[in-house]
Amino acid sequence: MALIPCSECGQQISDRAAACPSCGCPVSLAKQAHPSTPTADPRFEPWIGATLFSGFWADERRLLMAAEVVAVLHPILLHIGLYGAWLVAYGKLGHAPRTSWDDPKELLGVICFVSGLPIYLMGAGVTAAGFSVLRRFYLVLTGRLRPSALVLAFVICAVWIASFALFRWDPIGVGEWWID
């Protein structure tokens, strides 16, 4: 049941009512004046759990967009958080933080938690990236997106590969300092 405005008096009425209780205008006229809002693709709703996602999240395009934003930003925020914490520790200590000597948890307190948040949420970022890439391939294969839309899927993969490569390379020892 949805509430729609009456085409005559503007009162909110049920779309299942026969007529507006205020002015008597038939609901069929109100429905013509105010078409129902689009709903999510019924094939998609069971997959994401329709009971958990309503409103903004029920629209698959919005869900895809949100997952893509998370997928692209997560590895970037990961490195901003880690290198930012390292720079704060460098400023506090007056020298480069040393592995096994300068513990980030003792030096930074709350900053340590906030800057490490992307690490704690790594599973969500990887899930969002995988979801975004696979969903884009699916939409291209079913003909609902043009093949050029795969560029973003490759960008997401490239950002994650570059992020893991930078973390593995670790030129100044930030990852080793953080994990130790």
N, C-alpha and C. Protein backbone atom coordinates (compact mmCIF):
# COMPACT_ATOMS: atom_id res chain seq x y z
N MET A 1 0.84 -1.18 0.00
CA MET A 1 0.00 0.00 0.00
C MET A 1 0.89 1.24 0.00
N ALA A 2 0.60 2.15 -0.88
CA ALA A 2 1.36 3.39 -0.97
C ALA A 2 0.41 4.56 -0.83
N LEU A 3 0.93 5.66 -0.30
CA LEU A 3 0.15 6.88 -0.19
C LEU A 3 0.49 7.75 -1.39
N ILE A 4 -0.56 8.26 -2.04
CA ILE A 4 -0.39 9.14 -3.18
C ILE A 4 -1.21 10.39 -2.93
N PRO A 5 -0.82 11.52 -3.52
CA PRO A 5 -1.63 12.74 -3.33
C PRO A 5 -2.87 12.71 -4.23
N CYS A 6 -3.96 13.17 -3.70
CA CYS A 6 -5.20 13.26 -4.46
C CYS A 6 -5.02 14.32 -5.55
N SER A 7 -5.50 14.05 -6.75
CA SER A 7 -5.34 15.00 -7.85
C SER A 7 -6.23 16.25 -7.68
N GLU A 8 -7.27 16.15 -6.84
CA GLU A 8 -8.17 17.29 -6.63
C GLU A 8 -7.77 18.13 -5.43
N CYS A 9 -7.67 17.50 -4.25
CA CYS A 9 -7.45 18.28 -3.01
C CYS A 9 -6.02 18.19 -2.48
N GLY A 10 -5.23 17.24 -2.98
CA GLY A 10 -3.84 17.14 -2.54
C GLY A 10 -3.63 16.33 -1.27
N GLN A 11 -4.69 15.83 -0.65
CA GLN A 11 -4.57 15.01 0.56
C GLN A 11 -3.86 13.69 0.23
N GLN A 12 -3.14 13.13 1.18
CA GLN A 12 -2.51 11.83 1.01
C GLN A 12 -3.58 10.74 1.18
N ILE A 13 -3.70 9.88 0.14
CA ILE A 13 -4.70 8.81 0.19
C ILE A 13 -4.04 7.50 -0.21
N SER A 14 -4.66 6.41 0.18
CA SER A 14 -4.16 5.09 -0.17
C SER A 14 -4.40 4.83 -1.65
N ASP A 15 -3.46 4.18 -2.29
CA ASP A 15 -3.65 3.85 -3.70
C ASP A 15 -4.67 2.72 -3.88
N ARG A 16 -5.07 2.09 -2.79
CA ARG A 16 -6.06 1.01 -2.85
C ARG A 16 -7.48 1.48 -2.55
N ALA A 17 -7.63 2.73 -2.12
CA ALA A 17 -8.96 3.26 -1.83
C ALA A 17 -9.72 3.48 -3.13
N ALA A 18 -11.05 3.42 -3.04
CA ALA A 18 -11.87 3.64 -4.23
C ALA A 18 -11.93 5.12 -4.59
N ALA A 19 -12.01 5.96 -3.55
CA ALA A 19 -12.10 7.40 -3.77
C ALA A 19 -11.45 8.13 -2.61
N CYS A 20 -11.14 9.40 -2.80
CA CYS A 20 -10.55 10.23 -1.75
C CYS A 20 -11.59 10.47 -0.66
N PRO A 21 -11.26 10.22 0.61
CA PRO A 21 -12.24 10.45 1.68
C PRO A 21 -12.56 11.93 1.88
N SER A 22 -11.69 12.82 1.44
CA SER A 22 -11.93 14.25 1.65
C SER A 22 -12.85 14.86 0.59
N CYS A 23 -12.55 14.59 -0.69
CA CYS A 23 -13.31 15.25 -1.76
C CYS A 23 -14.11 14.29 -2.63
N GLY A 24 -13.88 12.98 -2.51
CA GLY A 24 -14.63 12.01 -3.29
C GLY A 24 -14.07 11.74 -4.67
N CYS A 25 -12.94 12.32 -5.02
CA CYS A 25 -12.33 12.10 -6.33
C CYS A 25 -11.91 10.63 -6.46
N PRO A 26 -12.22 9.97 -7.58
CA PRO A 26 -11.80 8.57 -7.75
C PRO A 26 -10.27 8.44 -7.72
N VAL A 27 -9.80 7.39 -7.09
CA VAL A 27 -8.36 7.16 -6.95
C VAL A 27 -7.71 6.91 -8.30
N SER A 28 -8.47 6.38 -9.27
CA SER A 28 -7.90 6.12 -10.59
C SER A 28 -7.39 7.41 -11.22
N LEU A 29 -8.07 8.53 -10.96
CA LEU A 29 -7.59 9.82 -11.47
C LEU A 29 -6.31 10.25 -10.75
N ALA A 30 -6.25 9.99 -9.46
CA ALA A 30 -5.05 10.34 -8.69
C ALA A 30 -3.86 9.50 -9.14
N LYS A 31 -4.12 8.24 -9.47
CA LYS A 31 -3.03 7.37 -9.93
C LYS A 31 -2.49 7.83 -11.28
N GLN A 32 -3.39 8.33 -12.14
CA GLN A 32 -2.94 8.82 -13.44
C GLN A 32 -2.10 10.09 -13.27
N ALA A 33 -2.49 10.93 -12.33
CA ALA A 33 -1.76 12.17 -12.10
C ALA A 33 -0.43 11.93 -11.41
N HIS A 34 -0.36 10.86 -10.60
CA HIS A 34 0.86 10.57 -9.84
C HIS A 34 1.22 9.10 -10.04
N PRO A 35 2.03 8.77 -11.07
CA PRO A 35 2.39 7.36 -11.29
C PRO A 35 3.20 6.83 -10.13
N SER A 36 3.10 5.53 -9.92
CA SER A 36 3.81 4.92 -8.79
C SER A 36 5.31 5.02 -9.02
N THR A 37 6.05 5.03 -7.92
CA THR A 37 7.50 5.12 -7.98
C THR A 37 8.07 3.80 -8.45
N PRO A 38 9.18 3.84 -9.19
CA PRO A 38 9.76 2.58 -9.67
C PRO A 38 10.28 1.74 -8.52
N THR A 39 10.16 0.46 -8.68
CA THR A 39 10.67 -0.47 -7.66
C THR A 39 11.89 -1.17 -8.21
N ALA A 40 12.54 -1.90 -7.34
CA ALA A 40 13.74 -2.63 -7.76
C ALA A 40 13.37 -3.79 -8.67
N ASP A 41 14.31 -4.22 -9.42
CA ASP A 41 14.14 -5.37 -10.30
C ASP A 41 13.81 -6.58 -9.43
N PRO A 42 12.66 -7.26 -9.64
CA PRO A 42 12.28 -8.37 -8.77
C PRO A 42 13.28 -9.52 -8.80
N ARG A 43 14.06 -9.65 -9.87
CA ARG A 43 15.07 -10.71 -9.90
C ARG A 43 16.24 -10.37 -9.00
N PHE A 44 16.41 -9.07 -8.69
CA PHE A 44 17.55 -8.61 -7.90
C PHE A 44 17.23 -8.63 -6.41
N GLU A 45 15.98 -8.34 -6.04
CA GLU A 45 15.61 -8.21 -4.64
C GLU A 45 15.90 -9.45 -3.80
N PRO A 46 15.55 -10.66 -4.22
CA PRO A 46 15.85 -11.80 -3.37
C PRO A 46 17.36 -11.98 -3.19
N TRP A 47 18.12 -11.57 -4.19
CA TRP A 47 19.56 -11.75 -4.11
C TRP A 47 20.18 -10.87 -3.04
N ILE A 48 19.68 -9.64 -2.86
CA ILE A 48 20.26 -8.75 -1.87
C ILE A 48 19.50 -8.79 -0.55
N GLY A 49 18.41 -9.50 -0.51
CA GLY A 49 17.64 -9.57 0.72
C GLY A 49 16.71 -8.39 0.82
N ALA A 50 15.56 -8.49 0.21
CA ALA A 50 14.63 -7.36 0.11
C ALA A 50 14.21 -6.85 1.48
N THR A 51 14.23 -7.70 2.49
CA THR A 51 13.82 -7.23 3.81
C THR A 51 14.87 -6.34 4.44
N LEU A 52 16.12 -6.48 4.04
CA LEU A 52 17.18 -5.65 4.60
C LEU A 52 17.34 -4.34 3.87
N PHE A 53 17.04 -4.32 2.58
CA PHE A 53 17.27 -3.14 1.77
C PHE A 53 15.95 -2.58 1.28
N SER A 54 15.68 -1.35 1.66
CA SER A 54 14.46 -0.70 1.18
C SER A 54 14.83 0.73 0.82
N GLY A 55 13.97 1.39 0.10
CA GLY A 55 14.21 2.78 -0.26
C GLY A 55 15.43 2.93 -1.16
N PHE A 56 16.43 3.64 -0.67
CA PHE A 56 17.63 3.92 -1.45
C PHE A 56 18.31 2.64 -1.92
N TRP A 57 18.42 1.67 -1.05
CA TRP A 57 19.19 0.47 -1.37
C TRP A 57 18.44 -0.53 -2.22
N ALA A 58 17.12 -0.38 -2.36
CA ALA A 58 16.35 -1.33 -3.16
C ALA A 58 16.58 -1.14 -4.65
N ASP A 59 16.99 0.04 -5.06
CA ASP A 59 17.24 0.31 -6.47
C ASP A 59 18.63 -0.23 -6.81
N GLU A 60 18.70 -1.18 -7.73
CA GLU A 60 19.98 -1.85 -8.01
C GLU A 60 21.02 -0.89 -8.57
N ARG A 61 20.60 0.15 -9.29
CA ARG A 61 21.57 1.11 -9.81
C ARG A 61 22.25 1.87 -8.68
N ARG A 62 21.48 2.24 -7.68
CA ARG A 62 22.06 2.96 -6.53
C ARG A 62 22.97 2.04 -5.72
N LEU A 63 22.57 0.81 -5.56
CA LEU A 63 23.40 -0.14 -4.83
C LEU A 63 24.71 -0.37 -5.57
N LEU A 64 24.63 -0.50 -6.88
CA LEU A 64 25.83 -0.68 -7.69
C LEU A 64 26.73 0.54 -7.59
N MET A 65 26.14 1.72 -7.65
CA MET A 65 26.92 2.95 -7.55
C MET A 65 27.61 3.05 -6.19
N ALA A 66 26.90 2.73 -5.10
CA ALA A 66 27.49 2.79 -3.77
C ALA A 66 28.63 1.78 -3.63
N ALA A 67 28.44 0.58 -4.16
CA ALA A 67 29.50 -0.43 -4.09
C ALA A 67 30.71 0.00 -4.90
N GLU A 68 30.49 0.65 -6.03
CA GLU A 68 31.61 1.11 -6.84
C GLU A 68 32.38 2.23 -6.16
N VAL A 69 31.67 3.12 -5.49
CA VAL A 69 32.34 4.20 -4.76
C VAL A 69 33.20 3.60 -3.64
N VAL A 70 32.64 2.65 -2.90
CA VAL A 70 33.40 1.99 -1.83
C VAL A 70 34.59 1.24 -2.43
N ALA A 71 34.37 0.57 -3.55
CA ALA A 71 35.42 -0.23 -4.16
C ALA A 71 36.59 0.62 -4.62
N VAL A 72 36.32 1.82 -5.12
CA VAL A 72 37.41 2.68 -5.59
C VAL A 72 38.06 3.42 -4.43
N LEU A 73 37.27 3.90 -3.48
CA LEU A 73 37.83 4.72 -2.39
C LEU A 73 38.51 3.92 -1.29
N HIS A 74 38.09 2.69 -1.06
CA HIS A 74 38.62 1.93 0.07
C HIS A 74 40.14 1.79 0.05
N PRO A 75 40.75 1.32 -1.04
CA PRO A 75 42.20 1.20 -1.01
C PRO A 75 42.92 2.54 -0.91
N ILE A 76 42.30 3.58 -1.44
CA ILE A 76 42.91 4.91 -1.33
C ILE A 76 42.86 5.37 0.12
N LEU A 77 41.71 5.20 0.78
CA LEU A 77 41.58 5.57 2.19
C LEU A 77 42.50 4.72 3.07
N LEU A 78 42.71 3.48 2.70
CA LEU A 78 43.63 2.61 3.43
C LEU A 78 45.02 3.22 3.49
N HIS A 79 45.53 3.65 2.35
CA HIS A 79 46.87 4.22 2.33
C HIS A 79 46.93 5.60 2.95
N ILE A 80 45.88 6.40 2.78
CA ILE A 80 45.84 7.71 3.44
C ILE A 80 45.87 7.52 4.96
N GLY A 81 45.10 6.54 5.45
CA GLY A 81 45.07 6.29 6.90
C GLY A 81 46.41 5.80 7.42
N LEU A 82 47.01 4.84 6.75
CA LEU A 82 48.28 4.28 7.23
C LEU A 82 49.42 5.29 7.14
N TYR A 83 49.56 5.94 5.99
CA TYR A 83 50.64 6.91 5.84
C TYR A 83 50.39 8.16 6.66
N GLY A 84 49.12 8.53 6.85
CA GLY A 84 48.79 9.66 7.72
C GLY A 84 49.18 9.37 9.16
N ALA A 85 48.88 8.17 9.64
CA ALA A 85 49.26 7.80 11.01
C ALA A 85 50.78 7.77 11.15
N TRP A 86 51.46 7.29 10.12
CA TRP A 86 52.92 7.25 10.15
C TRP A 86 53.48 8.67 10.24
N LEU A 87 52.90 9.60 9.46
CA LEU A 87 53.37 11.00 9.50
C LEU A 87 53.09 11.65 10.85
N VAL A 88 51.94 11.35 11.46
CA VAL A 88 51.65 11.89 12.79
C VAL A 88 52.64 11.35 13.80
N ALA A 89 52.93 10.05 13.72
CA ALA A 89 53.92 9.46 14.63
C ALA A 89 55.31 10.06 14.39
N TYR A 90 55.65 10.32 13.15
CA TYR A 90 56.94 10.94 12.81
C TYR A 90 57.03 12.32 13.45
N GLY A 91 55.94 13.08 13.35
CA GLY A 91 55.92 14.41 13.95
C GLY A 91 55.99 14.35 15.47
N LYS A 92 55.35 13.38 16.07
CA LYS A 92 55.33 13.25 17.53
C LYS A 92 56.68 12.78 18.07
N LEU A 93 57.32 11.86 17.33
CA LEU A 93 58.59 11.30 17.79
C LEU A 93 59.80 12.16 17.41
N GLY A 94 59.70 12.85 16.29
CA GLY A 94 60.83 13.61 15.80
C GLY A 94 61.76 12.79 14.92
N HIS A 95 61.43 11.54 14.70
CA HIS A 95 62.19 10.67 13.80
C HIS A 95 61.22 9.66 13.20
N ALA A 96 61.68 8.94 12.20
CA ALA A 96 60.82 7.95 11.57
C ALA A 96 60.47 6.85 12.57
N PRO A 97 59.19 6.48 12.68
CA PRO A 97 58.81 5.41 13.60
C PRO A 97 59.55 4.11 13.25
N ARG A 98 60.05 3.44 14.29
CA ARG A 98 60.82 2.21 14.09
C ARG A 98 59.96 1.00 14.42
N THR A 99 60.12 -0.02 13.60
CA THR A 99 59.41 -1.27 13.82
C THR A 99 59.84 -1.86 15.16
N SER A 100 58.92 -2.40 15.90
CA SER A 100 59.12 -3.05 17.20
C SER A 100 59.49 -2.09 18.32
N TRP A 101 59.83 -0.86 18.03
CA TRP A 101 60.17 0.10 19.07
C TRP A 101 59.05 1.10 19.30
N ASP A 102 58.52 1.64 18.26
CA ASP A 102 57.51 2.69 18.36
C ASP A 102 56.15 2.11 17.96
N ASP A 103 55.42 1.63 18.96
CA ASP A 103 54.13 0.98 18.71
C ASP A 103 53.07 2.03 18.36
N PRO A 104 52.38 1.87 17.24
CA PRO A 104 51.38 2.87 16.87
C PRO A 104 50.25 2.99 17.89
N LYS A 105 49.91 1.91 18.56
CA LYS A 105 48.81 1.96 19.52
C LYS A 105 49.18 2.81 20.74
N GLU A 106 50.43 2.79 21.14
CA GLU A 106 50.85 3.59 22.28
C GLU A 106 51.07 5.04 21.90
N LEU A 107 51.51 5.27 20.67
CA LEU A 107 51.80 6.63 20.23
C LEU A 107 50.57 7.42 19.86
N LEU A 108 49.61 6.77 19.25
CA LEU A 108 48.55 7.51 18.59
C LEU A 108 47.17 7.40 19.23
N GLY A 109 46.92 6.39 20.02
CA GLY A 109 45.63 6.25 20.68
C GLY A 109 44.47 6.18 19.70
N VAL A 110 43.57 7.18 19.76
CA VAL A 110 42.37 7.19 18.93
C VAL A 110 42.74 7.33 17.45
N ILE A 111 43.79 8.09 17.16
CA ILE A 111 44.23 8.26 15.77
C ILE A 111 44.57 6.90 15.18
N CYS A 112 45.14 6.03 16.00
CA CYS A 112 45.50 4.68 15.56
C CYS A 112 44.25 3.94 15.10
N PHE A 113 43.18 4.04 15.86
CA PHE A 113 41.95 3.33 15.50
C PHE A 113 41.34 3.91 14.23
N VAL A 114 41.23 5.24 14.17
CA VAL A 114 40.59 5.88 13.02
C VAL A 114 41.39 5.63 11.75
N SER A 115 42.72 5.76 11.81
CA SER A 115 43.52 5.55 10.61
C SER A 115 43.56 4.08 10.23
N GLY A 116 43.35 3.19 11.17
CA GLY A 116 43.34 1.77 10.88
C GLY A 116 41.97 1.24 10.49
N LEU A 117 40.96 2.11 10.51
CA LEU A 117 39.61 1.68 10.18
C LEU A 117 39.51 1.01 8.82
N PRO A 118 40.16 1.53 7.77
CA PRO A 118 40.10 0.80 6.49
C PRO A 118 40.67 -0.62 6.57
N ILE A 119 41.65 -0.84 7.44
CA ILE A 119 42.20 -2.19 7.60
C ILE A 119 41.15 -3.07 8.26
N TYR A 120 40.48 -2.53 9.28
CA TYR A 120 39.48 -3.31 9.99
C TYR A 120 38.30 -3.65 9.08
N LEU A 121 38.04 -2.78 8.10
CA LEU A 121 36.92 -2.99 7.18
C LEU A 121 37.38 -3.55 5.84
N MET A 122 38.53 -4.17 5.81
CA MET A 122 39.09 -4.69 4.57
C MET A 122 38.13 -5.67 3.89
N GLY A 123 37.47 -6.49 4.66
CA GLY A 123 36.53 -7.45 4.07
C GLY A 123 35.41 -6.76 3.33
N ALA A 124 34.91 -5.65 3.88
CA ALA A 124 33.84 -4.91 3.21
C ALA A 124 34.34 -4.31 1.91
N GLY A 125 35.56 -3.81 1.90
CA GLY A 125 36.11 -3.22 0.68
C GLY A 125 36.33 -4.25 -0.40
N VAL A 126 36.87 -5.39 -0.04
CA VAL A 126 37.10 -6.46 -1.01
C VAL A 126 35.77 -6.98 -1.54
N THR A 127 34.80 -7.12 -0.65
CA THR A 127 33.47 -7.57 -1.07
C THR A 127 32.83 -6.57 -2.03
N ALA A 128 32.92 -5.28 -1.72
CA ALA A 128 32.36 -4.26 -2.60
C ALA A 128 33.04 -4.26 -3.96
N ALA A 129 34.36 -4.43 -3.96
CA ALA A 129 35.09 -4.46 -5.23
C ALA A 129 34.68 -5.67 -6.06
N GLY A 130 34.63 -6.83 -5.43
CA GLY A 130 34.23 -8.04 -6.15
C GLY A 130 32.81 -7.94 -6.66
N PHE A 131 31.92 -7.43 -5.82
CA PHE A 131 30.52 -7.25 -6.21
C PHE A 131 30.43 -6.31 -7.41
N SER A 132 31.13 -5.19 -7.36
CA SER A 132 31.06 -4.20 -8.43
C SER A 132 31.56 -4.75 -9.75
N VAL A 133 32.70 -5.41 -9.71
CA VAL A 133 33.29 -5.95 -10.95
C VAL A 133 32.40 -7.04 -11.53
N LEU A 134 31.99 -7.99 -10.70
CA LEU A 134 31.15 -9.08 -11.20
C LEU A 134 29.80 -8.57 -11.69
N ARG A 135 29.23 -7.61 -11.00
CA ARG A 135 27.94 -7.06 -11.41
C ARG A 135 28.06 -6.35 -12.75
N ARG A 136 29.14 -5.60 -12.95
CA ARG A 136 29.33 -4.92 -14.24
C ARG A 136 29.46 -5.93 -15.37
N PHE A 137 30.23 -6.99 -15.15
CA PHE A 137 30.34 -8.02 -16.18
C PHE A 137 28.98 -8.65 -16.47
N TYR A 138 28.22 -8.91 -15.42
CA TYR A 138 26.88 -9.50 -15.60
C TYR A 138 25.98 -8.56 -16.41
N LEU A 139 25.98 -7.27 -16.08
CA LEU A 139 25.12 -6.33 -16.78
C LEU A 139 25.53 -6.17 -18.24
N VAL A 140 26.82 -6.26 -18.53
CA VAL A 140 27.27 -6.19 -19.93
C VAL A 140 26.86 -7.46 -20.67
N LEU A 141 27.03 -8.62 -20.03
CA LEU A 141 26.67 -9.89 -20.68
C LEU A 141 25.17 -10.01 -20.94
N THR A 142 24.35 -9.41 -20.08
CA THR A 142 22.90 -9.47 -20.29
C THR A 142 22.40 -8.35 -21.18
N GLY A 143 23.29 -7.47 -21.62
CA GLY A 143 22.91 -6.41 -22.54
C GLY A 143 22.33 -5.18 -21.89
N ARG A 144 22.38 -5.06 -20.58
CA ARG A 144 21.82 -3.89 -19.92
C ARG A 144 22.83 -2.76 -19.79
N LEU A 145 24.10 -3.02 -20.05
CA LEU A 145 25.13 -1.98 -20.09
C LEU A 145 25.95 -2.17 -21.36
N ARG A 146 26.49 -1.08 -21.86
CA ARG A 146 27.37 -1.16 -23.02
C ARG A 146 28.72 -1.73 -22.59
N PRO A 147 29.44 -2.35 -23.50
CA PRO A 147 30.77 -2.89 -23.16
C PRO A 147 31.74 -1.83 -22.65
N SER A 148 31.54 -0.58 -23.03
CA SER A 148 32.42 0.48 -22.53
C SER A 148 32.29 0.66 -21.02
N ALA A 149 31.19 0.17 -20.44
CA ALA A 149 31.01 0.27 -18.98
C ALA A 149 32.00 -0.61 -18.23
N LEU A 150 32.65 -1.53 -18.92
CA LEU A 150 33.65 -2.38 -18.26
C LEU A 150 34.92 -1.61 -17.90
N VAL A 151 35.07 -0.41 -18.44
CA VAL A 151 36.25 0.40 -18.10
C VAL A 151 36.32 0.61 -16.59
N LEU A 152 35.19 0.91 -15.96
CA LEU A 152 35.19 1.12 -14.51
C LEU A 152 35.56 -0.16 -13.78
N ALA A 153 35.16 -1.31 -14.27
CA ALA A 153 35.54 -2.57 -13.65
C ALA A 153 37.06 -2.74 -13.70
N PHE A 154 37.65 -2.40 -14.82
CA PHE A 154 39.11 -2.50 -14.93
C PHE A 154 39.81 -1.45 -14.06
N VAL A 155 39.21 -0.28 -13.91
CA VAL A 155 39.78 0.75 -13.03
C VAL A 155 39.75 0.25 -11.58
N ILE A 156 38.63 -0.35 -11.17
CA ILE A 156 38.55 -0.88 -9.80
C ILE A 156 39.63 -1.94 -9.58
N CYS A 157 39.77 -2.85 -10.54
CA CYS A 157 40.81 -3.88 -10.42
C CYS A 157 42.20 -3.26 -10.36
N ALA A 158 42.44 -2.25 -11.20
CA ALA A 158 43.76 -1.60 -11.22
C ALA A 158 44.05 -0.89 -9.91
N VAL A 159 43.06 -0.22 -9.33
CA VAL A 159 43.26 0.48 -8.05
C VAL A 159 43.59 -0.53 -6.95
N TRP A 160 42.88 -1.65 -6.91
CA TRP A 160 43.16 -2.65 -5.88
C TRP A 160 44.52 -3.32 -6.09
N ILE A 161 44.87 -3.62 -7.33
CA ILE A 161 46.18 -4.23 -7.59
C ILE A 161 47.29 -3.26 -7.21
N ALA A 162 47.13 -1.97 -7.58
CA ALA A 162 48.13 -0.96 -7.21
C ALA A 162 48.23 -0.80 -5.70
N SER A 163 47.10 -0.87 -5.03
CA SER A 163 47.11 -0.75 -3.57
C SER A 163 47.86 -1.90 -2.91
N PHE A 164 47.56 -3.12 -3.35
CA PHE A 164 48.28 -4.27 -2.78
C PHE A 164 49.75 -4.24 -3.15
N ALA A 165 50.08 -3.79 -4.36
CA ALA A 165 51.48 -3.70 -4.75
C ALA A 165 52.22 -2.67 -3.89
N LEU A 166 51.59 -1.52 -3.64
CA LEU A 166 52.21 -0.50 -2.78
C LEU A 166 52.36 -1.02 -1.37
N PHE A 167 51.36 -1.71 -0.86
CA PHE A 167 51.44 -2.24 0.50
C PHE A 167 52.53 -3.31 0.59
N ARG A 168 52.66 -4.11 -0.46
CA ARG A 168 53.70 -5.16 -0.48
C ARG A 168 55.09 -4.56 -0.63
N TRP A 169 55.20 -3.55 -1.48
CA TRP A 169 56.49 -2.89 -1.70
C TRP A 169 56.91 -2.13 -0.44
N ASP A 170 55.99 -1.37 0.15
CA ASP A 170 56.18 -0.68 1.42
C ASP A 170 57.52 0.06 1.48
N PRO A 171 57.68 1.13 0.69
CA PRO A 171 58.98 1.79 0.56
C PRO A 171 59.57 2.35 1.85
N ILE A 172 58.75 2.79 2.78
CA ILE A 172 59.31 3.35 4.02
C ILE A 172 58.95 2.52 5.25
N GLY A 173 58.39 1.35 5.06
CA GLY A 173 58.13 0.44 6.17
C GLY A 173 56.88 0.74 6.98
N VAL A 174 55.90 1.42 6.38
CA VAL A 174 54.68 1.79 7.11
C VAL A 174 53.86 0.55 7.47
N GLY A 175 53.66 -0.35 6.52
CA GLY A 175 52.88 -1.56 6.79
C GLY A 175 53.53 -2.43 7.85
N GLU A 176 54.83 -2.58 7.76
CA GLU A 176 55.56 -3.39 8.75
C GLU A 176 55.46 -2.74 10.13
N TRP A 177 55.60 -1.41 10.20
CA TRP A 177 55.49 -0.68 11.46
C TRP A 177 54.08 -0.84 12.03
N TRP A 178 53.05 -0.76 11.18
CA TRP A 178 51.68 -0.82 11.65
C TRP A 178 51.35 -2.22 12.16
N ILE A 179 51.73 -3.25 11.42
CA ILE A 179 51.35 -4.62 11.76
C ILE A 179 52.16 -5.14 12.94
N ASP A 180 53.40 -4.73 13.05
CA ASP A 180 54.27 -5.23 14.13
C ASP A 180 53.76 -4.71 15.41
